[in-house]
C-alpha cells in the first residue's frame, strides 16, 4: 500500500518500530553514495577552473583601468605643460609614479594572484 520508503519509515517511527531497508534499497543507497563521492573531484576541478577564469577577468579589468587612468593622466600633464600651469611638474611626478605602479603590477601580477588565490597556478 505504501510505496514511499521515507513515508513508511516515518510511520514506523511513530509506531515505535524500526525501519529495515531491503537489500535492493541498500544497494541503491550505496550506489548513490558512490556516485556522489566520485563526482566530488570533478566538481572541485570545475570550481577551480571557474576561479581561474574569474582571476583572469579581474586582472584584465585592472589592466584596462590602469591603462585608462594613465592615458587620461598623460593628456592632463601635456595640457598643463602646454598651458604653462605652475603645477605641471607635480602632475608629471604623479604620472611617473603611476607608470612605475603599472609596470610593478605587470611584473608581480603572478605573485599577487598566487597570494590572493592560494593556488599553484596563476595568470600567465
PDB file of N, CA and C in Angstrom:
ATOM      1  N   UNK A   1       0.819  -1.183   0.000  1.00  0.00           N
ATOM      2  CA  UNK A   1       0.000   0.000   0.000  1.00  0.00           C
ATOM      3  C   UNK A   1       0.871   1.258   0.000  1.00  0.00           C
ATOM      4  N   UNK A   2       1.916   1.310   0.835  1.00  0.00           N
ATOM      5  CA  UNK A   2       2.797   2.479   0.914  1.00  0.00           C
ATOM      6  C   UNK A   2       4.049   2.200   0.095  1.00  0.00           C
ATOM      7  N   UNK A   3       4.233   2.909  -1.010  1.00  0.00           N
ATOM      8  CA  UNK A   3       5.375   2.701  -1.895  1.00  0.00           C
ATOM      9  C   UNK A   3       6.581   3.554  -1.508  1.00  0.00           C
ATOM     10  N   UNK A   4       6.373   4.662  -0.842  1.00  0.00           N
ATOM     11  CA  UNK A   4       7.447   5.574  -0.491  1.00  0.00           C
ATOM     12  C   UNK A   4       8.135   5.084   0.790  1.00  0.00           C
ATOM     13  N   UNK A   5       9.449   4.717   0.722  1.00  0.00           N
ATOM     14  CA  UNK A   5      10.125   4.200   1.914  1.00  0.00           C
ATOM     15  C   UNK A   5      10.281   5.250   3.014  1.00  0.00           C
ATOM     16  N   UNK A   6      10.390   6.529   2.664  1.00  0.00           N
ATOM     17  CA  UNK A   6      10.513   7.553   3.694  1.00  0.00           C
ATOM     18  C   UNK A   6       9.215   7.709   4.477  1.00  0.00           C
ATOM     19  N   UNK A   7       8.089   7.639   3.759  1.00  0.00           N
ATOM     20  CA  UNK A   7       6.804   7.714   4.450  1.00  0.00           C
ATOM     21  C   UNK A   7       6.623   6.513   5.367  1.00  0.00           C
ATOM     22  N   UNK A   8       7.029   5.344   4.870  1.00  0.00           N
ATOM     23  CA  UNK A   8       6.926   4.125   5.679  1.00  0.00           C
ATOM     24  C   UNK A   8       7.821   4.208   6.906  1.00  0.00           C
ATOM     25  N   UNK A   9       9.041   4.769   6.733  1.00  0.00           N
ATOM     26  CA  UNK A   9       9.961   4.910   7.860  1.00  0.00           C
ATOM     27  C   UNK A   9       9.386   5.846   8.908  1.00  0.00           C
ATOM     28  N   UNK A  10       8.775   6.939   8.496  1.00  0.00           N
ATOM     29  CA  UNK A  10       8.166   7.877   9.451  1.00  0.00           C
ATOM     30  C   UNK A  10       6.984   7.229  10.175  1.00  0.00           C
ATOM     31  N   UNK A  11       6.184   6.467   9.416  1.00  0.00           N
ATOM     32  CA  UNK A  11       5.037   5.813  10.025  1.00  0.00           C
ATOM     33  C   UNK A  11       5.485   4.769  11.045  1.00  0.00           C
ATOM     34  N   UNK A  12       6.550   4.017  10.735  1.00  0.00           N
ATOM     35  CA  UNK A  12       7.067   3.021  11.663  1.00  0.00           C
ATOM     36  C   UNK A  12       7.691   3.682  12.887  1.00  0.00           C
ATOM     37  N   UNK A  13       8.353   4.827  12.677  1.00  0.00           N
ATOM     38  CA  UNK A  13       8.965   5.521  13.806  1.00  0.00           C
ATOM     39  C   UNK A  13       7.897   6.027  14.766  1.00  0.00           C
ATOM     40  N   UNK A  14       6.780   6.486  14.231  1.00  0.00           N
ATOM     41  CA  UNK A  14       5.687   6.935  15.085  1.00  0.00           C
ATOM     42  C   UNK A  14       5.107   5.752  15.856  1.00  0.00           C
ATOM     43  N   UNK A  15       5.074   4.578  15.222  1.00  0.00           N
ATOM     44  CA  UNK A  15       4.516   3.386  15.865  1.00  0.00           C
ATOM     45  C   UNK A  15       5.512   2.752  16.838  1.00  0.00           C
ATOM     46  N   UNK A  16       6.746   3.262  16.889  1.00  0.00           N
ATOM     47  CA  UNK A  16       7.746   2.721  17.797  1.00  0.00           C
ATOM     48  C   UNK A  16       8.518   1.556  17.231  1.00  0.00           C
ATOM     49  N   UNK A  17       8.466   1.346  15.930  1.00  0.00           N
ATOM     50  CA  UNK A  17       9.201   0.259  15.287  1.00  0.00           C
ATOM     51  C   UNK A  17      10.317   0.847  14.430  1.00  0.00           C
ATOM     52  N   UNK A  18      11.301   0.030  14.128  1.00  0.00           N
ATOM     53  CA  UNK A  18      12.429   0.470  13.300  1.00  0.00           C
ATOM     54  C   UNK A  18      12.191   0.071  11.851  1.00  0.00           C
ATOM     55  N   UNK A  19      12.710   0.872  10.949  1.00  0.00           N
ATOM     56  CA  UNK A  19      12.603   0.575   9.521  1.00  0.00           C
ATOM     57  C   UNK A  19      13.852  -0.179   9.090  1.00  0.00           C
ATOM     58  N   UNK A  20      13.690  -1.283   8.411  1.00  0.00           N
ATOM     59  CA  UNK A  20      14.802  -2.087   7.908  1.00  0.00           C
ATOM     60  C   UNK A  20      14.713  -2.111   6.389  1.00  0.00           C
ATOM     61  N   UNK A  21      15.637  -1.400   5.713  1.00  0.00           N
ATOM     62  CA  UNK A  21      15.572  -1.367   4.247  1.00  0.00           C
ATOM     63  C   UNK A  21      15.913  -2.726   3.651  1.00  0.00           C
ATOM     64  N   UNK A  22      15.364  -2.963   2.464  1.00  0.00           N
ATOM     65  CA  UNK A  22      15.637  -4.217   1.770  1.00  0.00           C
ATOM     66  C   UNK A  22      17.043  -4.182   1.180  1.00  0.00           C
ATOM     67  N   UNK A  23      17.499  -5.335   0.665  1.00  0.00           N
ATOM     68  CA  UNK A  23      18.831  -5.402   0.064  1.00  0.00           C
ATOM     69  C   UNK A  23      18.929  -4.509  -1.175  1.00  0.00           C
ATOM     70  N   UNK A  24      17.873  -4.436  -1.964  1.00  0.00           N
ATOM     71  CA  UNK A  24      17.913  -3.581  -3.151  1.00  0.00           C
ATOM     72  C   UNK A  24      17.983  -2.103  -2.760  1.00  0.00           C
ATOM     73  N   UNK A  25      17.282  -1.727  -1.675  1.00  0.00           N
ATOM     74  CA  UNK A  25      17.363  -0.345  -1.205  1.00  0.00           C
ATOM     75  C   UNK A  25      18.763  -0.024  -0.692  1.00  0.00           C
ATOM     76  N   UNK A  26      19.383  -0.956   0.010  1.00  0.00           N
ATOM     77  CA  UNK A  26      20.753  -0.743   0.500  1.00  0.00           C
ATOM     78  C   UNK A  26      21.720  -0.593  -0.664  1.00  0.00           C
ATOM     79  N   UNK A  27      21.544  -1.429  -1.693  1.00  0.00           N
ATOM     80  CA  UNK A  27      22.414  -1.325  -2.872  1.00  0.00           C
ATOM     81  C   UNK A  27      22.215   0.017  -3.582  1.00  0.00           C
ATOM     82  N   UNK A  28      20.959   0.448  -3.686  1.00  0.00           N
ATOM     83  CA  UNK A  28      20.670   1.720  -4.350  1.00  0.00           C
ATOM     84  C   UNK A  28      21.291   2.884  -3.576  1.00  0.00           C
ATOM     85  N   UNK A  29      21.179   2.870  -2.248  1.00  0.00           N
ATOM     86  CA  UNK A  29      21.785   3.928  -1.435  1.00  0.00           C
ATOM     87  C   UNK A  29      23.306   3.913  -1.552  1.00  0.00           C
ATOM     88  N   UNK A  30      23.913   2.724  -1.572  1.00  0.00           N
ATOM     89  CA  UNK A  30      25.372   2.620  -1.721  1.00  0.00           C
ATOM     90  C   UNK A  30      25.811   3.128  -3.086  1.00  0.00           C
ATOM     91  N   UNK A  31      25.029   2.808  -4.136  1.00  0.00           N
ATOM     92  CA  UNK A  31      25.354   3.281  -5.479  1.00  0.00           C
ATOM     93  C   UNK A  31      25.269   4.806  -5.555  1.00  0.00           C
ATOM     94  N   UNK A  32      24.226   5.373  -4.976  1.00  0.00           N
ATOM     95  CA  UNK A  32      24.091   6.834  -4.975  1.00  0.00           C
ATOM     96  C   UNK A  32      25.220   7.502  -4.202  1.00  0.00           C
ATOM     97  N   UNK A  33      25.592   6.916  -3.071  1.00  0.00           N
ATOM     98  CA  UNK A  33      26.696   7.464  -2.289  1.00  0.00           C
ATOM     99  C   UNK A  33      28.003   7.381  -3.068  1.00  0.00           C
ATOM    100  N   UNK A  34      28.249   6.260  -3.730  1.00  0.00           N
ATOM    101  CA  UNK A  34      29.461   6.100  -4.537  1.00  0.00           C
ATOM    102  C   UNK A  34      29.524   7.107  -5.672  1.00  0.00           C
ATOM    103  N   UNK A  35      28.386   7.317  -6.345  1.00  0.00           N
ATOM    104  CA  UNK A  35      28.357   8.303  -7.428  1.00  0.00           C
ATOM    105  C   UNK A  35      28.612   9.708  -6.908  1.00  0.00           C
ATOM    106  N   UNK A  36      28.072  10.015  -5.747  1.00  0.00           N
ATOM    107  CA  UNK A  36      28.297  11.340  -5.164  1.00  0.00           C
ATOM    108  C   UNK A  36      29.767  11.533  -4.815  1.00  0.00           C
ATOM    109  N   UNK A  37      30.399  10.501  -4.289  1.00  0.00           N
ATOM    110  CA  UNK A  37      31.813  10.614  -3.924  1.00  0.00           C
ATOM    111  C   UNK A  37      32.704  10.685  -5.152  1.00  0.00           C
ATOM    112  N   UNK A  38      32.335   9.978  -6.222  1.00  0.00           N
ATOM    113  CA  UNK A  38      33.137  10.018  -7.442  1.00  0.00           C
ATOM    114  C   UNK A  38      33.028  11.352  -8.161  1.00  0.00           C
ATOM    115  N   UNK A  39      31.889  12.013  -8.061  1.00  0.00           N
ATOM    116  CA  UNK A  39      31.717  13.276  -8.768  1.00  0.00           C
ATOM    117  C   UNK A  39      32.306  14.459  -8.001  1.00  0.00           C
ATOM    118  N   UNK A  40      32.703  14.266  -6.744  1.00  0.00           N
ATOM    119  CA  UNK A  40      33.254  15.378  -5.953  1.00  0.00           C
ATOM    120  C   UNK A  40      34.533  15.953  -6.558  1.00  0.00           C
ATOM    121  N   UNK A  41      35.519  15.130  -7.003  1.00  0.00           N
ATOM    122  CA  UNK A  41      36.714  15.734  -7.624  1.00  0.00           C
ATOM    123  C   UNK A  41      36.396  16.499  -8.905  1.00  0.00           C
ATOM    124  N   UNK A  42      35.440  16.022  -9.678  1.00  0.00           N
ATOM    125  CA  UNK A  42      35.078  16.735 -10.909  1.00  0.00           C
ATOM    126  C   UNK A  42      34.487  18.098 -10.582  1.00  0.00           C
ATOM    127  N   UNK A  43      33.654  18.166  -9.531  1.00  0.00           N
ATOM    128  CA  UNK A  43      33.099  19.453  -9.123  1.00  0.00           C
ATOM    129  C   UNK A  43      34.201  20.379  -8.626  1.00  0.00           C
ATOM    130  N   UNK A  44      35.187  19.831  -7.913  1.00  0.00           N
ATOM    131  CA  UNK A  44      36.284  20.653  -7.410  1.00  0.00           C
ATOM    132  C   UNK A  44      37.113  21.211  -8.574  1.00  0.00           C
ATOM    133  N   UNK A  45      37.342  20.382  -9.600  1.00  0.00           N
ATOM    134  CA  UNK A  45      38.107  20.853 -10.752  1.00  0.00           C
ATOM    135  C   UNK A  45      37.344  21.922 -11.515  1.00  0.00           C
ATOM    136  N   UNK A  46      36.038  21.755 -11.653  1.00  0.00           N
ATOM    137  CA  UNK A  46      35.270  22.767 -12.366  1.00  0.00           C
ATOM    138  C   UNK A  46      35.228  24.070 -11.569  1.00  0.00           C
ATOM    139  N   UNK A  47      35.176  23.978 -10.245  1.00  0.00           N
ATOM    140  CA  UNK A  47      35.208  25.187  -9.417  1.00  0.00           C
ATOM    141  C   UNK A  47      36.563  25.874  -9.534  1.00  0.00           C
ATOM    142  N   UNK A  48      37.635  25.086  -9.590  1.00  0.00           N
ATOM    143  CA  UNK A  48      38.974  25.668  -9.740  1.00  0.00           C
ATOM    144  C   UNK A  48      39.116  26.366 -11.088  1.00  0.00           C
ATOM    145  N   UNK A  49      38.565  25.753 -12.133  1.00  0.00           N
ATOM    146  CA  UNK A  49      38.615  26.381 -13.457  1.00  0.00           C
ATOM    147  C   UNK A  49      37.800  27.669 -13.475  1.00  0.00           C
ATOM    148  N   UNK A  50      36.665  27.674 -12.784  1.00  0.00           N
ATOM    149  CA  UNK A  50      35.849  28.883 -12.724  1.00  0.00           C
ATOM    150  C   UNK A  50      36.583  29.995 -11.988  1.00  0.00           C
ATOM    151  N   UNK A  51      37.278  29.645 -10.893  1.00  0.00           N
ATOM    152  CA  UNK A  51      38.041  30.653 -10.157  1.00  0.00           C
ATOM    153  C   UNK A  51      39.196  31.193 -10.995  1.00  0.00           C
ATOM    154  N   UNK A  52      39.831  30.322 -11.777  1.00  0.00           N
ATOM    155  CA  UNK A  52      40.911  30.789 -12.649  1.00  0.00           C
ATOM    156  C   UNK A  52      40.361  31.770 -13.682  1.00  0.00           C
ATOM    157  N   UNK A  53      39.165  31.485 -14.197  1.00  0.00           N
ATOM    158  CA  UNK A  53      38.533  32.411 -15.135  1.00  0.00           C
ATOM    159  C   UNK A  53      38.220  33.744 -14.493  1.00  0.00           C
ATOM    160  N   UNK A  54      37.765  33.722 -13.241  1.00  0.00           N
ATOM    161  CA  UNK A  54      37.483  34.960 -12.517  1.00  0.00           C
ATOM    162  C   UNK A  54      38.767  35.745 -12.295  1.00  0.00           C
ATOM    163  N   UNK A  55      39.845  35.047 -11.946  1.00  0.00           N
ATOM    164  CA  UNK A  55      41.129  35.726 -11.746  1.00  0.00           C
ATOM    165  C   UNK A  55      41.593  36.388 -13.033  1.00  0.00           C
ATOM    166  N   UNK A  56      41.473  35.682 -14.163  1.00  0.00           N
ATOM    167  CA  UNK A  56      41.858  36.271 -15.446  1.00  0.00           C
ATOM    168  C   UNK A  56      41.035  37.523 -15.740  1.00  0.00           C
ATOM    169  N   UNK A  57      39.739  37.453 -15.463  1.00  0.00           N
ATOM    170  CA  UNK A  57      38.863  38.592 -15.719  1.00  0.00           C
ATOM    171  C   UNK A  57      39.229  39.781 -14.842  1.00  0.00           C
ATOM    172  N   UNK A  58      39.483  39.527 -13.554  1.00  0.00           N
ATOM    173  CA  UNK A  58      39.827  40.619 -12.631  1.00  0.00           C
ATOM    174  C   UNK A  58      41.137  41.273 -13.043  1.00  0.00           C
ATOM    175  N   UNK A  59      42.137  40.470 -13.387  1.00  0.00           N
ATOM    176  CA  UNK A  59      43.424  41.028 -13.805  1.00  0.00           C
ATOM    177  C   UNK A  59      43.254  41.838 -15.089  1.00  0.00           C
ATOM    178  N   UNK A  60      42.450  41.349 -16.013  1.00  0.00           N
ATOM    179  CA  UNK A  60      42.190  42.093 -17.248  1.00  0.00           C
ATOM    180  C   UNK A  60      41.506  43.426 -16.983  1.00  0.00           C
ATOM    181  N   UNK A  61      40.528  43.422 -16.080  1.00  0.00           N
ATOM    182  CA  UNK A  61      39.824  44.658 -15.733  1.00  0.00           C
ATOM    183  C   UNK A  61      40.775  45.658 -15.095  1.00  0.00           C
ATOM    184  N   UNK A  62      41.625  45.179 -14.185  1.00  0.00           N
ATOM    185  CA  UNK A  62      42.586  46.079 -13.531  1.00  0.00           C
ATOM    186  C   UNK A  62      43.552  46.666 -14.557  1.00  0.00           C
ATOM    187  N   UNK A  63      43.989  45.859 -15.513  1.00  0.00           N
ATOM    188  CA  UNK A  63      44.899  46.367 -16.538  1.00  0.00           C
ATOM    189  C   UNK A  63      44.231  47.441 -17.393  1.00  0.00           C
ATOM    190  N   UNK A  64      42.975  47.234 -17.743  1.00  0.00           N
ATOM    191  CA  UNK A  64      42.263  48.230 -18.550  1.00  0.00           C
ATOM    192  C   UNK A  64      42.085  49.527 -17.754  1.00  0.00           C
ATOM    193  N   UNK A  65      41.732  49.399 -16.466  1.00  0.00           N
ATOM    194  CA  UNK A  65      41.562  50.598 -15.632  1.00  0.00           C
ATOM    195  C   UNK A  65      42.875  51.364 -15.515  1.00  0.00           C
ATOM    196  N   UNK A  66      43.985  50.628 -15.274  1.00  0.00           N
ATOM    197  CA  UNK A  66      45.294  51.286 -15.213  1.00  0.00           C
ATOM    198  C   UNK A  66      45.584  52.019 -16.523  1.00  0.00           C
ATOM    199  N   UNK A  67      45.347  51.367 -17.647  1.00  0.00           N
ATOM    200  CA  UNK A  67      45.644  51.980 -18.946  1.00  0.00           C
ATOM    201  C   UNK A  67      44.820  53.249 -19.155  1.00  0.00           C
ATOM    202  N   UNK A  68      43.546  53.203 -18.817  1.00  0.00           N
ATOM    203  CA  UNK A  68      42.685  54.377 -18.989  1.00  0.00           C
ATOM    204  C   UNK A  68      43.162  55.526 -18.104  1.00  0.00           C
ATOM    205  N   UNK A  69      43.463  55.218 -16.838  1.00  0.00           N
ATOM    206  CA  UNK A  69      43.918  56.262 -15.911  1.00  0.00           C
ATOM    207  C   UNK A  69      45.237  56.862 -16.389  1.00  0.00           C
ATOM    208  N   UNK A  70      46.147  56.042 -16.875  1.00  0.00           N
ATOM    209  CA  UNK A  70      47.432  56.570 -17.350  1.00  0.00           C
ATOM    210  C   UNK A  70      47.263  57.419 -18.607  1.00  0.00           C
ATOM    211  N   UNK A  71      46.380  57.038 -19.510  1.00  0.00           N
ATOM    212  CA  UNK A  71      46.159  57.836 -20.723  1.00  0.00           C
ATOM    213  C   UNK A  71      45.541  59.188 -20.358  1.00  0.00           C
ATOM    214  N   UNK A  72      44.553  59.168 -19.465  1.00  0.00           N
ATOM    215  CA  UNK A  72      43.942  60.434 -19.028  1.00  0.00           C
ATOM    216  C   UNK A  72      44.983  61.296 -18.316  1.00  0.00           C
ATOM    217  N   UNK A  73      45.801  60.676 -17.482  1.00  0.00           N
ATOM    218  CA  UNK A  73      46.851  61.422 -16.782  1.00  0.00           C
ATOM    219  C   UNK A  73      47.857  62.027 -17.743  1.00  0.00           C
ATOM    220  N   UNK A  74      48.232  61.281 -18.766  1.00  0.00           N
ATOM    221  CA  UNK A  74      49.178  61.803 -19.759  1.00  0.00           C
ATOM    222  C   UNK A  74      48.581  62.995 -20.497  1.00  0.00           C
ATOM    223  N   UNK A  75      47.332  62.902 -20.872  1.00  0.00           N
ATOM    224  CA  UNK A  75      46.679  64.016 -21.570  1.00  0.00           C
ATOM    225  C   UNK A  75      46.631  65.253 -20.671  1.00  0.00           C
ATOM    226  N   UNK A  76      46.294  65.072 -19.393  1.00  0.00           N
ATOM    227  CA  UNK A  76      46.214  66.221 -18.476  1.00  0.00           C
ATOM    228  C   UNK A  76      47.589  66.845 -18.251  1.00  0.00           C
ATOM    229  N   UNK A  77      48.651  66.004 -18.142  1.00  0.00           N
ATOM    230  CA  UNK A  77      50.002  66.547 -17.942  1.00  0.00           C
ATOM    231  C   UNK A  77      50.438  67.340 -19.169  1.00  0.00           C
ATOM    232  N   UNK A  78      50.181  66.816 -20.349  1.00  0.00           N
ATOM    233  CA  UNK A  78      50.556  67.525 -21.575  1.00  0.00           C
ATOM    234  C   UNK A  78      49.799  68.859 -21.655  1.00  0.00           C
ATOM    235  N   UNK A  79      48.518  68.839 -21.312  1.00  0.00           N
ATOM    236  CA  UNK A  79      47.737  70.084 -21.335  1.00  0.00           C
ATOM    237  C   UNK A  79      48.303  71.104 -20.349  1.00  0.00           C
ATOM    238  N   UNK A  80      48.742  70.649 -19.173  1.00  0.00           N
ATOM    239  CA  UNK A  80      49.294  71.578 -18.180  1.00  0.00           C
ATOM    240  C   UNK A  80      50.607  72.182 -18.678  1.00  0.00           C
ATOM    241  N   UNK A  81      51.435  71.363 -19.339  1.00  0.00           N
ATOM    242  CA  UNK A  81      52.692  71.906 -19.873  1.00  0.00           C
ATOM    243  C   UNK A  81      52.420  72.892 -21.009  1.00  0.00           C
ATOM    244  N   UNK A  82      51.429  72.585 -21.855  1.00  0.00           N
ATOM    245  CA  UNK A  82      51.109  73.476 -22.971  1.00  0.00           C
ATOM    246  C   UNK A  82      50.554  74.802 -22.453  1.00  0.00           C
ATOM    247  N   UNK A  83      49.730  74.747 -21.401  1.00  0.00           N
ATOM    248  CA  UNK A  83      49.139  75.956 -20.846  1.00  0.00           C
ATOM    249  C   UNK A  83      50.098  76.691 -19.921  1.00  0.00           C
ATOM    250  N   UNK A  84      51.205  76.072 -19.549  1.00  0.00           N
ATOM    251  CA  UNK A  84      52.172  76.717 -18.665  1.00  0.00           C
ATOM    252  C   UNK A  84      51.714  76.763 -17.220  1.00  0.00           C
ATOM    253  N   UNK A  85      50.980  75.751 -16.772  1.00  0.00           N
ATOM    254  CA  UNK A  85      50.474  75.714 -15.398  1.00  0.00           C
ATOM    255  C   UNK A  85      51.638  75.518 -14.431  1.00  0.00           C
ATOM    256  N   UNK A  86      51.571  76.183 -13.252  1.00  0.00           N
ATOM    257  CA  UNK A  86      52.692  76.082 -12.309  1.00  0.00           C
ATOM    258  C   UNK A  86      52.828  74.689 -11.673  1.00  0.00           C
ATOM    259  N   UNK A  87      51.783  73.889 -11.670  1.00  0.00           N
ATOM    260  CA  UNK A  87      51.878  72.566 -11.050  1.00  0.00           C
ATOM    261  C   UNK A  87      52.103  71.460 -12.079  1.00  0.00           C
ATOM    262  N   UNK A  88      52.629  71.804 -13.246  1.00  0.00           N
ATOM    263  CA  UNK A  88      52.835  70.823 -14.309  1.00  0.00           C
ATOM    264  C   UNK A  88      53.868  69.778 -13.896  1.00  0.00           C
ATOM    265  N   UNK A  89      54.947  70.205 -13.209  1.00  0.00           N
ATOM    266  CA  UNK A  89      55.975  69.229 -12.782  1.00  0.00           C
ATOM    267  C   UNK A  89      55.432  68.289 -11.715  1.00  0.00           C
ATOM    268  N   UNK A  90      54.584  68.779 -10.838  1.00  0.00           N
ATOM    269  CA  UNK A  90      53.966  67.904  -9.834  1.00  0.00           C
ATOM    270  C   UNK A  90      53.076  66.857 -10.490  1.00  0.00           C
ATOM    271  N   UNK A  91      52.325  67.276 -11.502  1.00  0.00           N
ATOM    272  CA  UNK A  91      51.481  66.333 -12.227  1.00  0.00           C
ATOM    273  C   UNK A  91      52.322  65.303 -12.974  1.00  0.00           C
ATOM    274  N   UNK A  92      53.464  65.754 -13.510  1.00  0.00           N
ATOM    275  CA  UNK A  92      54.365  64.821 -14.183  1.00  0.00           C
ATOM    276  C   UNK A  92      54.915  63.800 -13.192  1.00  0.00           C
ATOM    277  N   UNK A  93      55.204  64.237 -11.977  1.00  0.00           N
ATOM    278  CA  UNK A  93      55.674  63.302 -10.945  1.00  0.00           C
ATOM    279  C   UNK A  93      54.624  62.251 -10.617  1.00  0.00           C
ATOM    280  N   UNK A  94      53.361  62.682 -10.497  1.00  0.00           N
ATOM    281  CA  UNK A  94      52.286  61.718 -10.239  1.00  0.00           C
ATOM    282  C   UNK A  94      52.133  60.747 -11.396  1.00  0.00           C
ATOM    283  N   UNK A  95      52.302  61.243 -12.629  1.00  0.00           N
ATOM    284  CA  UNK A  95      52.199  60.368 -13.795  1.00  0.00           C
ATOM    285  C   UNK A  95      53.331  59.348 -13.811  1.00  0.00           C
ATOM    286  N   UNK A  96      54.537  59.775 -13.490  1.00  0.00           N
ATOM    287  CA  UNK A  96      55.668  58.832 -13.422  1.00  0.00           C
ATOM    288  C   UNK A  96      55.415  57.787 -12.335  1.00  0.00           C
ATOM    289  N   UNK A  97      54.870  58.220 -11.205  1.00  0.00           N
ATOM    290  CA  UNK A  97      54.521  57.263 -10.156  1.00  0.00           C
ATOM    291  C   UNK A  97      53.486  56.251 -10.630  1.00  0.00           C
ATOM    292  N   UNK A  98      52.515  56.702 -11.399  1.00  0.00           N
ATOM    293  CA  UNK A  98      51.511  55.790 -11.957  1.00  0.00           C
ATOM    294  C   UNK A  98      52.107  54.804 -12.933  1.00  0.00           C
ATOM    295  N   UNK A  99      53.054  55.277 -13.744  1.00  0.00           N
ATOM    296  CA  UNK A  99      53.725  54.373 -14.699  1.00  0.00           C
ATOM    297  C   UNK A  99      54.546  53.329 -13.951  1.00  0.00           C
ATOM    298  N   UNK A 100      55.237  53.739 -12.900  1.00  0.00           N
ATOM    299  CA  UNK A 100      56.016  52.785 -12.098  1.00  0.00           C
ATOM    300  C   UNK A 100      55.072  51.759 -11.454  1.00  0.00           C
ATOM    301  N   UNK A 101      53.947  52.235 -10.950  1.00  0.00           N
ATOM    302  CA  UNK A 101      52.958  51.322 -10.366  1.00  0.00           C
ATOM    303  C   UNK A 101      52.419  50.364 -11.415  1.00  0.00           C
ATOM    304  N   UNK A 102      52.180  50.830 -12.633  1.00  0.00           N
ATOM    305  CA  UNK A 102      51.706  49.995 -13.741  1.00  0.00           C
ATOM    306  C   UNK A 102      52.702  48.880 -14.036  1.00  0.00           C
ATOM    307  N   UNK A 103      53.990  49.250 -14.197  1.00  0.00           N
ATOM    308  CA  UNK A 103      54.983  48.223 -14.502  1.00  0.00           C
ATOM    309  C   UNK A 103      55.205  47.283 -13.318  1.00  0.00           C
ATOM    310  N   UNK A 104      55.102  47.803 -12.111  1.00  0.00           N
ATOM    311  CA  UNK A 104      55.203  46.930 -10.938  1.00  0.00           C
ATOM    312  C   UNK A 104      54.074  45.911 -10.912  1.00  0.00           C
ATOM    313  N   UNK A 105      52.875  46.355 -11.271  1.00  0.00           N
ATOM    314  CA  UNK A 105      51.746  45.424 -11.324  1.00  0.00           C
ATOM    315  C   UNK A 105      51.976  44.376 -12.396  1.00  0.00           C
ATOM    316  N   UNK A 106      52.497  44.777 -13.535  1.00  0.00           N
ATOM    317  CA  UNK A 106      52.748  43.826 -14.617  1.00  0.00           C
ATOM    318  C   UNK A 106      53.809  42.790 -14.223  1.00  0.00           C
ATOM    319  N   UNK A 107      54.850  43.247 -13.523  1.00  0.00           N
ATOM    320  CA  UNK A 107      55.925  42.330 -13.148  1.00  0.00           C
ATOM    321  C   UNK A 107      55.512  41.345 -12.054  1.00  0.00           C
ATOM    322  N   UNK A 108      54.677  41.799 -11.139  1.00  0.00           N
ATOM    323  CA  UNK A 108      54.370  40.976  -9.976  1.00  0.00           C
ATOM    324  C   UNK A 108      52.936  40.450  -9.952  1.00  0.00           C
ATOM    325  N   UNK A 109      52.228  40.497 -11.070  1.00  0.00           N
ATOM    326  CA  UNK A 109      50.833  40.057 -11.046  1.00  0.00           C
ATOM    327  C   UNK A 109      50.717  38.559 -10.773  1.00  0.00           C
ATOM    328  N   UNK A 110      51.664  37.734 -11.234  1.00  0.00           N
ATOM    329  CA  UNK A 110      51.613  36.305 -10.929  1.00  0.00           C
ATOM    330  C   UNK A 110      51.730  36.056  -9.433  1.00  0.00           C
ATOM    331  N   UNK A 111      52.620  36.791  -8.791  1.00  0.00           N
ATOM    332  CA  UNK A 111      52.771  36.633  -7.342  1.00  0.00           C
ATOM    333  C   UNK A 111      51.529  37.120  -6.603  1.00  0.00           C
ATOM    334  N   UNK A 112      50.934  38.212  -7.083  1.00  0.00           N
ATOM    335  CA  UNK A 112      49.736  38.733  -6.444  1.00  0.00           C
ATOM    336  C   UNK A 112      48.571  37.762  -6.565  1.00  0.00           C
ATOM    337  N   UNK A 113      48.371  37.216  -7.746  1.00  0.00           N
ATOM    338  CA  UNK A 113      47.267  36.280  -7.957  1.00  0.00           C
ATOM    339  C   UNK A 113      47.510  35.012  -7.162  1.00  0.00           C
ATOM    340  N   UNK A 114      48.752  34.535  -7.106  1.00  0.00           N
ATOM    341  CA  UNK A 114      49.053  33.341  -6.313  1.00  0.00           C
ATOM    342  C   UNK A 114      48.824  33.562  -4.837  1.00  0.00           C
ATOM    343  N   UNK A 115      49.159  34.756  -4.343  1.00  0.00           N
ATOM    344  CA  UNK A 115      48.967  35.041  -2.915  1.00  0.00           C
ATOM    345  C   UNK A 115      47.490  35.191  -2.579  1.00  0.00           C
ATOM    346  N   UNK A 116      46.732  35.820  -3.471  1.00  0.00           N
ATOM    347  CA  UNK A 116      45.310  36.010  -3.207  1.00  0.00           C
ATOM    348  C   UNK A 116      44.541  34.720  -3.440  1.00  0.00           C
ATOM    349  N   UNK A 117      44.853  34.033  -4.540  1.00  0.00           N
ATOM    350  CA  UNK A 117      44.122  32.811  -4.877  1.00  0.00           C
ATOM    351  C   UNK A 117      44.570  31.610  -4.088  1.00  0.00           C
ATOM    352  N   UNK A 118      45.817  31.587  -3.663  1.00  0.00           N
ATOM    353  CA  UNK A 118      46.332  30.478  -2.890  1.00  0.00           C
ATOM    354  C   UNK A 118      46.541  29.227  -3.708  1.00  0.00           C
ATOM    355  N   UNK A 119      46.477  29.322  -5.039  1.00  0.00           N
ATOM    356  CA  UNK A 119      46.614  28.144  -5.880  1.00  0.00           C
ATOM    357  C   UNK A 119      48.031  27.991  -6.376  1.00  0.00           C
ATOM    358  N   UNK A 120      48.237  26.872  -7.101  1.00  0.00           N
ATOM    359  CA  UNK A 120      49.554  26.608  -7.668  1.00  0.00           C
ATOM    360  C   UNK A 120      49.811  27.490  -8.876  1.00  0.00           C
ATOM    361  N   UNK A 121      48.778  27.652  -9.678  1.00  0.00           N
ATOM    362  CA  UNK A 121      48.953  28.387 -10.919  1.00  0.00           C
ATOM    363  C   UNK A 121      48.798  29.867 -10.727  1.00  0.00           C
ATOM    364  N   UNK A 122      48.411  30.481 -11.768  1.00  0.00           N
ATOM    365  CA  UNK A 122      48.207  31.918 -11.725  1.00  0.00           C
ATOM    366  C   UNK A 122      47.929  32.400 -13.121  1.00  0.00           C
ATOM    367  N   UNK A 123      47.911  33.658 -13.291  1.00  0.00           N
ATOM    368  CA  UNK A 123      47.693  34.232 -14.601  1.00  0.00           C
ATOM    369  C   UNK A 123      49.004  34.189 -15.343  1.00  0.00           C
ATOM    370  N   UNK A 124      48.957  33.677 -16.521  1.00  0.00           N
ATOM    371  CA  UNK A 124      50.191  33.563 -17.316  1.00  0.00           C
ATOM    372  C   UNK A 124      50.141  34.502 -18.484  1.00  0.00           C
TER     373      UNK A 124
END
